[in-house]
Amino acid sequence: MPKPIYEERYCLNSDCPNITFIPQRSDQKFCDTTCRTRYHFLKNRENDLTLYSDLQNLKRADGILKRLYANCLKKGIYAIPKEILEVENIPIESAIKMTNDPNKNRIHWYFNYGITPDGEKNIRILKKDK
């Protein structure tokens, strides 16, 4: 049986030096594996950057909570004002995990530290037990 001949197509990779190619298969969308790899790399790069950025923000928030927790222990402070979270730019809604304490308060956990409301205007910083 003779091999089918397909019409010339445009390579989906916008950086392709050839621009067009004659496919060997009916489902072929790229001229070669290099173009296919480059296309998917560029397509996924934005998603990877936002994922990396979110992870960095969570690590930064956990570091700030670690510092605040240590300062609270030194000074014997039980709770701090909520405004400190706004000043330190800690994203409450992007916590990794949320649990409830025995008093039914929501705890927003980052990596090793978490925050929970303590009254109307204050928060408590908690440390995970290892």
Protein backbone atom coordinates (compact mmCIF):
# COMPACT_ATOMS: atom_id res chain seq x y z
CA MET A 1 0.00 0.00 0.00
CA PRO A 2 1.47 3.38 -0.93
CA LYS A 3 2.31 5.83 1.80
CA PRO A 4 -0.15 8.78 1.90
CA ILE A 5 1.14 12.22 1.04
CA TYR A 6 -0.04 15.07 3.23
CA GLU A 7 -0.30 18.73 2.43
CA GLU A 8 2.25 21.16 3.74
CA ARG A 9 1.46 22.54 7.22
CA TYR A 10 2.61 25.28 9.54
CA CYS A 11 4.64 24.17 12.55
CA LEU A 12 2.85 25.09 15.81
CA ASN A 13 6.12 26.35 17.31
CA SER A 14 6.19 30.09 16.63
CA ASP A 15 10.02 30.07 16.84
CA CYS A 16 10.41 27.40 14.16
CA PRO A 17 13.08 28.32 11.60
CA ASN A 18 11.35 26.24 8.88
CA ILE A 19 7.83 27.65 9.46
CA THR A 20 6.23 24.99 7.23
CA PHE A 21 6.81 21.26 6.81
CA ILE A 22 5.37 18.21 5.10
CA PRO A 23 4.06 15.84 7.78
CA GLN A 24 4.84 12.13 7.86
CA ARG A 25 1.68 11.34 9.86
CA SER A 26 -1.83 12.74 9.77
CA ASP A 27 -1.65 13.95 13.40
CA GLN A 28 1.80 15.59 13.19
CA LYS A 29 1.78 19.22 14.35
CA PHE A 30 5.50 20.00 14.62
CA CYS A 31 8.27 19.66 12.09
CA ASP A 32 10.58 17.84 14.53
CA THR A 33 11.07 16.92 18.18
CA THR A 34 13.09 20.07 18.90
CA CYS A 35 10.20 22.29 17.86
CA ARG A 36 7.74 20.17 19.85
CA THR A 37 9.91 20.37 22.97
CA ARG A 38 10.48 24.12 22.59
CA TYR A 39 6.75 24.75 22.09
CA HIS A 40 5.78 22.89 25.28
CA PHE A 41 8.64 24.50 27.24
CA LEU A 42 7.45 27.98 26.31
CA LYS A 43 3.81 27.07 26.95
CA ASN A 44 4.53 25.72 30.46
CA ARG A 45 7.07 28.36 31.46
CA GLU A 46 4.42 30.85 32.62
CA ASN A 47 2.72 28.22 34.79
CA ASP A 48 6.06 27.23 36.30
CA LEU A 49 6.91 30.87 37.08
CA THR A 50 3.65 31.47 38.92
CA LEU A 51 4.01 28.19 40.84
CA TYR A 52 7.57 29.14 41.83
CA SER A 53 6.44 32.64 42.80
CA ASP A 54 3.63 31.26 45.01
CA LEU A 55 6.05 28.88 46.71
CA GLN A 56 8.52 31.70 47.36
CA ASN A 57 5.73 33.86 48.87
CA LEU A 58 4.74 31.01 51.21
CA LYS A 59 8.36 30.51 52.31
CA ARG A 60 8.74 34.25 52.90
CA ALA A 61 5.53 34.35 54.95
CA ASP A 62 6.68 31.35 57.01
CA GLY A 63 10.01 33.11 57.68
CA ILE A 64 8.24 36.28 58.82
CA LEU A 65 5.95 34.26 61.10
CA LYS A 66 9.02 32.51 62.54
CA ARG A 67 10.58 35.88 63.36
CA LEU A 68 7.34 37.24 64.85
CA TYR A 69 6.85 34.05 66.90
CA ALA A 70 10.37 34.30 68.34
CA ASN A 71 9.83 37.97 69.23
CA CYS A 72 6.51 37.16 70.91
CA LEU A 73 8.19 34.45 73.00
CA LYS A 74 11.01 36.81 74.02
CA LYS A 75 8.63 39.55 75.11
CA GLY A 76 6.01 37.23 76.60
CA ILE A 77 3.29 38.46 74.27
CA TYR A 78 0.36 36.12 73.68
CA ALA A 79 -1.29 37.84 70.67
CA ILE A 80 -0.41 40.56 68.16
CA PRO A 81 -2.64 42.98 66.20
CA LYS A 82 -3.97 41.86 62.79
CA GLU A 83 -2.50 44.97 61.19
CA ILE A 84 0.98 43.49 61.56
CA LEU A 85 0.04 40.85 58.96
CA GLU A 86 -0.98 43.59 56.56
CA VAL A 87 2.22 45.55 57.19
CA GLU A 88 4.36 42.41 56.71
CA ASN A 89 2.31 41.54 53.57
CA ILE A 90 1.45 37.98 54.65
CA PRO A 91 -1.18 36.49 52.29
CA ILE A 92 -3.69 34.82 54.63
CA GLU A 93 -5.77 33.31 51.82
CA SER A 94 -2.81 31.43 50.32
CA ALA A 95 -2.04 29.25 53.33
CA ILE A 96 -1.12 25.65 52.52
CA LYS A 97 -3.51 24.00 54.94
CA MET A 98 -6.41 25.09 57.13
CA THR A 99 -7.48 23.25 60.27
CA ASN A 100 -9.64 23.98 63.29
CA ASP A 101 -8.40 24.21 66.86
CA PRO A 102 -10.42 22.82 69.84
CA ASN A 103 -12.24 26.18 70.15
CA LYS A 104 -13.42 25.88 66.51
CA ASN A 105 -11.12 28.72 65.37
CA ARG A 106 -9.68 28.37 61.88
CA ILE A 107 -5.88 27.97 61.76
CA HIS A 108 -4.13 29.01 58.54
CA TRP A 109 -0.93 26.94 58.26
CA TYR A 110 2.02 27.87 56.09
CA PHE A 111 4.96 25.47 56.43
CA ASN A 112 5.95 25.34 60.11
CA TYR A 113 3.93 28.27 61.43
CA GLY A 114 0.27 29.16 61.43
CA ILE A 115 -2.04 31.97 62.48
CA THR A 116 -5.40 31.93 64.17
CA PRO A 117 -7.73 34.70 65.39
CA ASP A 118 -7.53 35.66 69.04
CA GLY A 119 -10.48 37.95 69.61
CA GLU A 120 -11.71 40.57 67.15
CA LYS A 121 -8.50 42.48 66.44
CA ASN A 122 -5.67 40.15 67.42
CA ILE A 123 -4.08 36.99 66.08
CA ARG A 124 -1.99 34.24 67.59
CA ILE A 125 1.01 32.69 65.88
CA LEU A 126 1.35 28.94 66.32
CA LYS A 127 4.28 26.61 65.70
CA LYS A 128 3.83 23.05 64.44
CA ASP A 129 4.96 20.29 66.74
CA LYS A 130 7.61 18.20 65.06
